[in-house]
Amino acid sequence: MVKVEFLGPINKEPIEVDIKSLNELSTILKNDEALSKWLENCAVAVNDTMVISKDISLEDGDRVSLLPPVCGG
């Protein structure tokens, strides 16, 4: 299982999913209306390392974090 965290203003509890890639996760999250609006703007980290591509393989125990843009001073 892969743990998925939703940080900042997304305000959703973490979930655990049985997936093998970020592409699979993207497909799952697009079906959630509340999350779909965040997906295009979020940065993504896998095990605390920022990633750019969805072609990242995931393994059991990995952690994916969705980081929405925020502003502050």
Protein backbone atom coordinates (compact mmCIF):
# COMPACT_ATOMS: atom_id res chain seq x y z
CA MET A 1 0.00 0.00 0.00
CA VAL A 2 1.07 3.56 -0.75
CA LYS A 3 0.15 6.35 1.65
CA VAL A 4 -1.09 9.56 0.02
CA GLU A 5 -0.99 12.79 2.01
CA PHE A 6 -2.90 15.95 1.11
CA LEU A 7 -1.13 18.98 2.52
CA GLY A 8 -2.16 22.57 3.16
CA PRO A 9 -5.58 23.81 2.14
CA ILE A 10 -6.61 20.58 0.40
CA ASN A 11 -7.89 19.56 3.84
CA LYS A 12 -8.37 15.84 3.21
CA GLU A 13 -7.33 12.93 5.40
CA PRO A 14 -4.49 10.71 4.12
CA ILE A 15 -5.49 7.59 2.20
CA GLU A 16 -3.77 4.30 1.46
CA VAL A 17 -4.07 2.81 -2.02
CA ASP A 18 -2.74 -0.27 -3.76
CA ILE A 19 -1.01 1.28 -6.77
CA LYS A 20 2.25 0.84 -8.69
CA SER A 21 2.71 4.30 -10.27
CA LEU A 22 1.81 7.96 -10.05
CA ASN A 23 -0.20 7.53 -13.25
CA GLU A 24 -2.51 5.12 -11.40
CA LEU A 25 -2.84 7.56 -8.52
CA SER A 26 -3.71 10.39 -10.90
CA THR A 27 -6.49 8.31 -12.42
CA ILE A 28 -7.94 7.55 -8.98
CA LEU A 29 -7.77 11.15 -7.75
CA LYS A 30 -9.36 12.61 -10.90
CA ASN A 31 -12.55 10.78 -9.93
CA ASP A 32 -12.74 12.74 -6.65
CA GLU A 33 -14.46 16.04 -7.49
CA ALA A 34 -13.02 17.83 -4.45
CA LEU A 35 -9.46 16.81 -5.39
CA SER A 36 -9.62 17.13 -9.16
CA LYS A 37 -9.43 20.94 -8.99
CA TRP A 38 -6.10 20.73 -7.11
CA LEU A 39 -4.35 18.16 -9.29
CA GLU A 40 -3.09 20.45 -12.06
CA ASN A 41 -1.59 22.94 -9.59
CA CYS A 42 -0.04 20.66 -6.98
CA ALA A 43 3.60 19.75 -6.68
CA VAL A 44 4.18 16.07 -5.91
CA ALA A 45 6.75 14.46 -3.64
CA VAL A 46 7.51 10.76 -3.29
CA ASN A 47 9.19 9.90 -0.01
CA ASP A 48 10.01 13.61 0.51
CA THR A 49 11.64 14.00 -2.93
CA MET A 50 9.98 16.30 -5.44
CA VAL A 51 9.09 14.62 -8.75
CA ILE A 52 8.07 16.05 -12.11
CA SER A 53 6.94 13.01 -14.08
CA LYS A 54 3.94 10.78 -13.46
CA ASP A 55 6.00 7.88 -14.82
CA ILE A 56 7.35 7.12 -11.36
CA SER A 57 7.11 3.57 -10.07
CA LEU A 58 5.85 3.16 -6.52
CA GLU A 59 6.49 0.37 -4.05
CA ASP A 60 4.71 -0.87 -0.95
CA GLY A 61 5.37 1.56 1.90
CA ASP A 62 6.05 4.62 -0.28
CA ARG A 63 4.54 7.95 0.67
CA VAL A 64 3.18 10.44 -1.86
CA SER A 65 2.52 14.04 -0.81
CA LEU A 66 0.40 16.48 -2.78
CA LEU A 67 1.59 20.02 -2.11
CA PRO A 68 -0.77 22.76 -3.31
CA PRO A 69 0.56 26.23 -4.09
CA VAL A 70 0.32 28.60 -1.15
CA CYS A 71 1.09 32.22 -0.62
CA GLY A 72 2.34 33.91 2.45
CA GLY A 73 4.78 36.39 3.73
